[in-house]
């Protein structure tokens, strides 16, 4: 058996997914605007997670974006 045939048999697995519902952090009544904002944040977090960022890196990126928008 050659090295190339062994390498072709190597299986690769997809990374596991983390499911976090946007509604988990909500309690009581919320406005549609607040709910929409929360969904957008969740989508952004999921997108960054797909790029391989850790939770700490994601929170740093989101905080940086919030500071950038608040200075404008």
Protein backbone atom coordinates (compact mmCIF):
# COMPACT_ATOMS: atom_id res chain seq x y z
CA UNK A 1 0.00 0.00 0.00
CA UNK A 2 1.45 3.37 -1.00
CA UNK A 3 1.41 6.59 0.97
CA UNK A 4 -0.90 8.17 -1.60
CA UNK A 5 -3.47 5.40 -1.25
CA UNK A 6 -3.36 5.72 2.53
CA UNK A 7 -3.81 9.50 2.34
CA UNK A 8 -6.78 9.08 0.02
CA UNK A 9 -8.48 6.94 2.68
CA UNK A 10 -8.14 9.57 5.40
CA UNK A 11 -11.54 10.79 6.47
CA UNK A 12 -12.19 14.36 7.41
CA UNK A 13 -15.02 15.47 9.59
CA UNK A 14 -16.89 18.74 9.66
CA UNK A 15 -16.69 20.84 12.78
CA UNK A 16 -19.57 20.55 15.20
CA UNK A 17 -22.20 23.26 15.22
CA UNK A 18 -23.25 25.25 18.24
CA UNK A 19 -26.93 26.00 18.52
CA UNK A 20 -27.84 29.03 20.56
CA UNK A 21 -31.31 30.38 20.07
CA UNK A 22 -31.58 34.16 19.97
CA UNK A 23 -34.63 33.95 22.20
CA UNK A 24 -32.70 32.28 25.05
CA UNK A 25 -31.50 35.65 26.31
CA UNK A 26 -34.95 37.27 26.09
CA UNK A 27 -37.41 37.49 28.93
CA UNK A 28 -40.81 39.14 28.96
CA UNK A 29 -42.00 41.37 26.16
CA UNK A 30 -39.56 42.89 23.71
CA UNK A 31 -40.12 45.22 20.82
CA UNK A 32 -39.85 44.01 17.25
CA UNK A 33 -36.89 46.34 16.79
CA UNK A 34 -35.01 44.79 19.71
CA UNK A 35 -35.86 41.26 18.53
CA UNK A 36 -34.65 42.07 15.00
CA UNK A 37 -31.41 43.53 16.38
CA UNK A 38 -30.85 40.40 18.44
CA UNK A 39 -31.43 38.16 15.41
CA UNK A 40 -28.93 40.17 13.35
CA UNK A 41 -26.35 39.83 16.13
CA UNK A 42 -26.99 36.08 16.26
CA UNK A 43 -26.56 35.77 12.49
CA UNK A 44 -23.29 37.73 12.64
CA UNK A 45 -22.04 35.53 15.49
CA UNK A 46 -22.93 32.37 13.55
CA UNK A 47 -21.14 33.68 10.47
CA UNK A 48 -17.99 34.47 12.44
CA UNK A 49 -18.13 31.05 14.10
CA UNK A 50 -18.25 29.42 10.64
CA UNK A 51 -15.00 31.22 9.82
CA UNK A 52 -13.42 29.41 12.76
CA UNK A 53 -13.32 32.22 15.32
CA UNK A 54 -13.54 31.31 18.98
CA UNK A 55 -16.15 32.84 21.29
CA UNK A 56 -13.53 35.22 22.74
CA UNK A 57 -12.47 36.35 19.27
CA UNK A 58 -16.09 36.86 18.27
CA UNK A 59 -16.84 38.99 21.32
CA UNK A 60 -13.72 41.10 20.65
CA UNK A 61 -14.76 41.62 17.03
CA UNK A 62 -18.32 42.58 17.96
CA UNK A 63 -17.14 45.00 20.68
CA UNK A 64 -14.73 46.59 18.21
CA UNK A 65 -17.56 47.07 15.70
CA UNK A 66 -19.83 48.57 18.37
CA UNK A 67 -17.12 51.05 19.41
CA UNK A 68 -16.49 51.94 15.78
CA UNK A 69 -20.20 52.64 15.19
CA UNK A 70 -20.62 54.62 18.42
CA UNK A 71 -17.77 56.98 17.45
CA UNK A 72 -19.40 57.91 14.14
